[in-house]
Amino acid sequence: MDVIGDLMARDRRSDRLALRVDGPGRTYTYHDLITTSYKAGNVLRYLGVRKGARVAVDPVSLPEPLLTFLGAAQLGAVTAFDPAVEARATVVAVARESEFDDLPPGQKLAVFGGPSSSPATTHWEQEVWSENPAVHPEVVAPQDPALVADDREFTHGDLLDAAREVVADFDLETGDTVAVRSSLSRPGTVVAGVLAPLLAGGTIRIPETAEAVEAALSVGDGVIESVALAPDDAY
C-alpha cells in the first residue's frame, strides 16, 4: 500500500469491525468505514477541496474527524487537525459553529453532530449520507502531503511507513484492537491509533474514559503515539 487511499480500497470492505466509538456507541465495519470515506471525500469536493488544498478538522473523539481525514487523503488534500488554521474547508462540531461564522471568502464551513444554524454552513451528516459512494478519480502519490502538524507536513509515504513500523513492533494482526486516548492533533496518534490498525485489518477503539480496555496496543499518555513519527524521542 503506497497511499492512504489504498487502505480504503473496495476489496477491503468486509463485515469486520473497523471503528468503535464508545461514547455515542457507534460502530463501523470495514464496509461502512470505506464506503462512508468515499462519501466524505465527495462532500469535501462539493466544498471546493481539491488536490493540495487544506482541510481543517476539529480533533474530537468521534467518527466524523476520522472520516474527513480519510476522505481528504483520497482527494490528495492535506488535513490539519486544528480548526484554527486557514483552510479551504473547516469541519467542526456543531457546538462550535458560531466560532467560525466569519471565515474569509472562499473558505467553507461544515458542522457535525446536528443541523447547522446558518444556511451557508454545510450539515455534514446530511450531506455525507446523501452522497453517492463513488471512488475518487484523483491520482495521489506517496510523496504528496496528507497531514500537517507541529509545523511540518507528512506525506502519505511518511505516514504509512511509520504505520508499518508500529504494526511490526507490536505484532498487530487482523482482529486486534488499538485503543486511542490521545488527540488526533498529534501526528503519532494518527499513525499508531488510526493508520496502523487499518493497515493490519484491526479495530480502532475510542474509549469513553481513560480506563483500561483490552487492546493489543494503547495509544496515549505521550508514549506510543510519540514513537510513531519520532522514535528517537520515545519514552
Protein backbone atom coordinates (compact mmCIF):
# COMPACT_ATOMS: atom_id res chain seq x y z
CA MET A 1 0.00 0.00 0.00
CA ASP A 2 1.53 3.26 -1.16
CA VAL A 3 -1.03 5.91 -0.20
CA ILE A 4 -3.71 6.23 2.47
CA GLY A 5 -6.43 5.73 -0.12
CA ASP A 6 -5.15 2.17 -0.61
CA LEU A 7 -6.42 1.39 2.90
CA MET A 8 -9.88 2.30 1.62
CA ALA A 9 -9.83 0.02 -1.44
CA ARG A 10 -13.17 -1.56 -2.34
CA ASP A 11 -11.78 -5.07 -1.98
CA ARG A 12 -11.00 -4.39 1.70
CA ARG A 13 -14.67 -3.94 2.54
CA SER A 14 -15.94 -6.61 4.92
CA ASP A 15 -18.11 -7.15 7.98
CA ARG A 16 -15.11 -6.99 10.32
CA LEU A 17 -15.21 -4.19 12.88
CA ALA A 18 -13.07 -1.22 11.84
CA LEU A 19 -14.09 1.53 14.27
CA ARG A 20 -15.77 1.60 17.66
CA VAL A 21 -16.50 4.87 19.46
CA ASP A 22 -17.71 4.06 22.95
CA GLY A 23 -19.13 7.46 23.97
CA PRO A 24 -22.02 7.62 21.48
CA GLY A 25 -21.97 3.83 20.99
CA ARG A 26 -21.25 3.99 17.27
CA THR A 27 -19.53 1.28 15.25
CA TYR A 28 -18.39 0.94 11.64
CA THR A 29 -17.49 -2.24 9.82
CA TYR A 30 -14.80 -2.07 7.15
CA HIS A 31 -17.61 -1.93 4.61
CA ASP A 32 -19.23 1.01 6.43
CA LEU A 33 -15.98 2.89 7.02
CA ILE A 34 -14.66 2.55 3.48
CA THR A 35 -17.96 3.40 1.80
CA THR A 36 -18.53 6.40 4.07
CA SER A 37 -15.00 7.66 3.43
CA TYR A 38 -15.88 7.85 -0.28
CA LYS A 39 -18.95 9.89 0.60
CA ALA A 40 -16.91 12.14 2.89
CA GLY A 41 -14.48 12.83 0.06
CA ASN A 42 -17.37 13.73 -2.24
CA VAL A 43 -18.70 16.25 0.29
CA LEU A 44 -15.25 17.81 0.51
CA ARG A 45 -15.20 18.10 -3.27
CA TYR A 46 -18.57 19.84 -3.07
CA LEU A 47 -16.96 22.29 -0.62
CA GLY A 48 -14.25 23.04 -3.17
CA VAL A 49 -11.48 20.83 -1.82
CA ARG A 50 -9.05 19.66 -4.47
CA LYS A 51 -5.60 18.08 -4.50
CA GLY A 52 -3.18 20.09 -2.38
CA ALA A 53 -5.93 22.03 -0.59
CA ARG A 54 -6.03 22.10 3.18
CA VAL A 55 -8.88 20.79 5.35
CA ALA A 56 -9.07 21.96 8.98
CA VAL A 57 -10.76 19.45 11.30
CA ASP A 58 -11.92 19.57 14.91
CA PRO A 59 -9.98 16.68 16.55
CA VAL A 60 -12.80 15.43 18.76
CA SER A 61 -13.19 11.74 19.57
CA LEU A 62 -15.95 10.97 17.08
CA PRO A 63 -16.12 9.20 13.70
CA GLU A 64 -16.55 12.38 11.64
CA PRO A 65 -12.98 13.72 12.04
CA LEU A 66 -11.53 10.32 11.07
CA LEU A 67 -13.81 10.03 8.04
CA THR A 68 -12.95 13.56 6.98
CA PHE A 69 -9.25 12.73 7.13
CA LEU A 70 -9.70 9.53 5.13
CA GLY A 71 -11.87 11.29 2.55
CA ALA A 72 -9.44 14.19 2.23
CA ALA A 73 -6.48 11.84 1.76
CA GLN A 74 -8.24 10.17 -1.18
CA LEU A 75 -8.53 13.58 -2.84
CA GLY A 76 -4.86 14.39 -2.27
CA ALA A 77 -5.89 17.11 0.20
CA VAL A 78 -3.96 17.90 3.38
CA THR A 79 -5.65 17.56 6.79
CA ALA A 80 -4.82 19.73 9.78
CA PHE A 81 -6.46 18.52 12.99
CA ASP A 82 -6.67 22.14 14.08
CA PRO A 83 -9.77 24.11 13.08
CA ALA A 84 -7.99 27.42 13.70
CA VAL A 85 -5.69 27.11 10.69
CA GLU A 86 -6.55 28.66 7.34
CA ALA A 87 -8.10 26.04 5.09
CA ARG A 88 -10.35 25.57 2.07
CA ALA A 89 -12.85 23.70 4.27
CA THR A 90 -13.27 23.69 8.03
CA VAL A 91 -15.13 20.81 9.70
CA VAL A 92 -16.12 21.23 13.36
CA ALA A 93 -18.66 20.08 15.93
CA VAL A 94 -21.95 21.97 15.64
CA ALA A 95 -21.48 23.47 19.11
CA ARG A 96 -18.55 25.46 17.69
CA GLU A 97 -20.33 26.79 14.61
CA SER A 98 -20.53 30.36 15.89
CA GLU A 99 -16.75 30.47 16.34
CA PHE A 100 -16.31 30.18 12.56
CA ASP A 101 -19.16 32.26 11.17
CA ASP A 102 -16.78 34.89 9.79
CA LEU A 103 -14.47 32.75 7.66
CA PRO A 104 -12.78 34.61 4.79
CA PRO A 105 -14.39 34.44 1.33
CA GLY A 106 -13.72 31.14 -0.40
CA GLN A 107 -13.45 29.15 2.82
CA LYS A 108 -16.33 26.80 3.59
CA LEU A 109 -17.66 25.56 6.93
CA ALA A 110 -19.27 22.20 7.72
CA VAL A 111 -20.56 21.05 11.09
CA PHE A 112 -21.34 17.61 12.50
CA GLY A 113 -23.36 16.48 15.48
CA GLY A 114 -26.54 18.24 14.44
CA PRO A 115 -28.01 20.62 11.84
CA SER A 116 -26.33 23.95 11.25
CA SER A 117 -27.95 27.24 12.28
CA SER A 118 -26.89 29.03 9.09
CA PRO A 119 -27.89 28.12 5.52
CA ALA A 120 -24.33 28.94 4.49
CA THR A 121 -22.98 26.12 6.67
CA THR A 122 -22.99 22.53 5.45
CA HIS A 123 -24.65 19.93 7.68
CA TRP A 124 -22.01 17.21 7.48
CA GLU A 125 -24.07 14.13 8.30
CA GLN A 126 -26.90 15.11 5.99
CA GLU A 127 -24.62 15.69 3.02
CA VAL A 128 -22.45 12.62 3.64
CA TRP A 129 -25.37 10.22 3.87
CA SER A 130 -26.99 11.65 0.72
CA GLU A 131 -23.80 11.33 -1.34
CA ASN A 132 -23.10 8.64 -3.89
CA PRO A 133 -20.23 6.39 -2.68
CA ALA A 134 -18.16 6.77 -5.84
CA VAL A 135 -14.40 6.16 -5.83
CA HIS A 136 -12.46 9.37 -6.36
CA PRO A 137 -10.61 9.75 -9.66
CA GLU A 138 -7.75 11.82 -8.22
CA VAL A 139 -4.24 10.39 -8.67
CA VAL A 140 -2.35 10.58 -5.37
CA ALA A 141 1.35 9.76 -4.98
CA PRO A 142 3.33 8.64 -1.89
CA GLN A 143 5.26 11.93 -1.89
CA ASP A 144 2.08 14.02 -1.69
CA PRO A 145 1.39 15.58 1.72
CA ALA A 146 -1.57 14.19 3.67
CA LEU A 147 -1.24 15.69 7.15
CA VAL A 148 0.15 18.88 8.63
CA ALA A 149 1.04 19.09 12.33
CA ASP A 150 3.75 20.52 14.52
CA ASP A 151 4.70 22.95 11.70
CA ARG A 152 5.57 20.02 9.44
CA GLU A 153 3.91 18.30 6.51
CA PHE A 154 3.78 14.49 6.49
CA THR A 155 3.42 12.69 3.20
CA HIS A 156 1.38 9.57 2.51
CA GLY A 157 4.66 7.67 2.37
CA ASP A 158 5.85 9.09 5.72
CA LEU A 159 2.64 8.12 7.46
CA LEU A 160 2.32 4.63 6.02
CA ASP A 161 6.00 3.80 6.61
CA ALA A 162 5.57 4.80 10.25
CA ALA A 163 2.34 2.79 10.49
CA ARG A 164 4.14 -0.29 9.14
CA GLU A 165 6.76 0.10 11.88
CA VAL A 166 4.04 0.22 14.53
CA VAL A 167 2.38 -2.90 13.08
CA ALA A 168 5.71 -4.74 13.08
CA ASP A 169 6.87 -3.53 16.50
CA PHE A 170 3.62 -4.50 18.22
CA ASP A 171 2.78 -7.56 16.10
CA LEU A 172 -0.61 -6.14 15.18
CA GLU A 173 -2.81 -8.61 13.33
CA THR A 174 -6.28 -8.83 11.84
CA GLY A 175 -8.81 -8.55 14.64
CA ASP A 176 -6.51 -6.76 17.10
CA THR A 177 -7.84 -3.61 18.76
CA VAL A 178 -5.99 -0.34 19.22
CA ALA A 179 -7.36 1.96 21.94
CA VAL A 180 -6.87 5.66 21.24
CA ARG A 181 -6.74 8.04 24.20
CA SER A 182 -4.74 10.96 22.82
CA SER A 183 -5.63 13.76 20.44
CA LEU A 184 -5.60 13.40 16.67
CA SER A 185 -3.78 16.74 16.67
CA ARG A 186 -0.66 14.68 17.41
CA PRO A 187 0.65 13.05 14.23
CA GLY A 188 1.77 9.97 16.12
CA THR A 189 -1.81 9.38 17.22
CA VAL A 190 -2.95 9.37 13.60
CA VAL A 191 -0.22 6.89 12.71
CA ALA A 192 -0.42 4.48 15.65
CA GLY A 193 -4.08 4.91 16.50
CA VAL A 194 -5.67 5.10 13.05
CA LEU A 195 -3.44 4.02 10.19
CA ALA A 196 -1.67 1.12 11.94
CA PRO A 197 -4.86 -0.75 12.91
CA LEU A 198 -6.38 -0.13 9.47
CA LEU A 199 -3.20 -1.43 7.83
CA ALA A 200 -3.33 -4.57 9.98
CA GLY A 201 -7.04 -5.12 9.45
CA GLY A 202 -7.72 -4.41 13.11
CA THR A 203 -10.12 -2.20 15.04
CA ILE A 204 -9.76 1.42 16.11
CA ARG A 205 -11.41 1.88 19.50
CA ILE A 206 -12.03 5.27 21.09
CA PRO A 207 -12.90 4.60 24.76
CA GLU A 208 -15.37 6.82 26.60
CA THR A 209 -12.97 7.22 29.54
CA ALA A 210 -9.29 6.71 30.23
CA GLU A 211 -9.99 3.43 32.00
CA ALA A 212 -8.10 0.40 30.76
CA VAL A 213 -9.61 -1.62 27.95
CA GLU A 214 -8.48 -4.81 26.32
CA ALA A 215 -6.32 -3.85 23.37
CA ALA A 216 -3.22 -5.07 21.59
CA LEU A 217 -1.90 -1.52 21.63
CA SER A 218 -2.92 1.51 23.64
CA VAL A 219 -2.18 4.93 22.18
CA GLY A 220 -1.97 7.65 24.75
CA ASP A 221 -0.11 9.39 27.55
CA GLY A 222 2.56 10.52 25.12
CA VAL A 223 4.11 7.07 24.84
CA ILE A 224 3.14 5.00 21.81
CA GLU A 225 1.85 7.95 19.83
CA SER A 226 5.14 9.75 20.34
CA VAL A 227 7.25 6.91 18.95
CA ALA A 228 5.39 6.57 15.69
CA LEU A 229 7.00 9.51 13.91
CA ALA A 230 9.78 10.40 16.32
CA PRO A 231 11.43 7.16 17.51
CA ASP A 232 14.42 8.99 19.00
CA ASP A 233 12.08 10.75 21.42
CA ALA A 234 10.30 7.60 22.57
CA TYR A 235 9.70 7.27 26.27
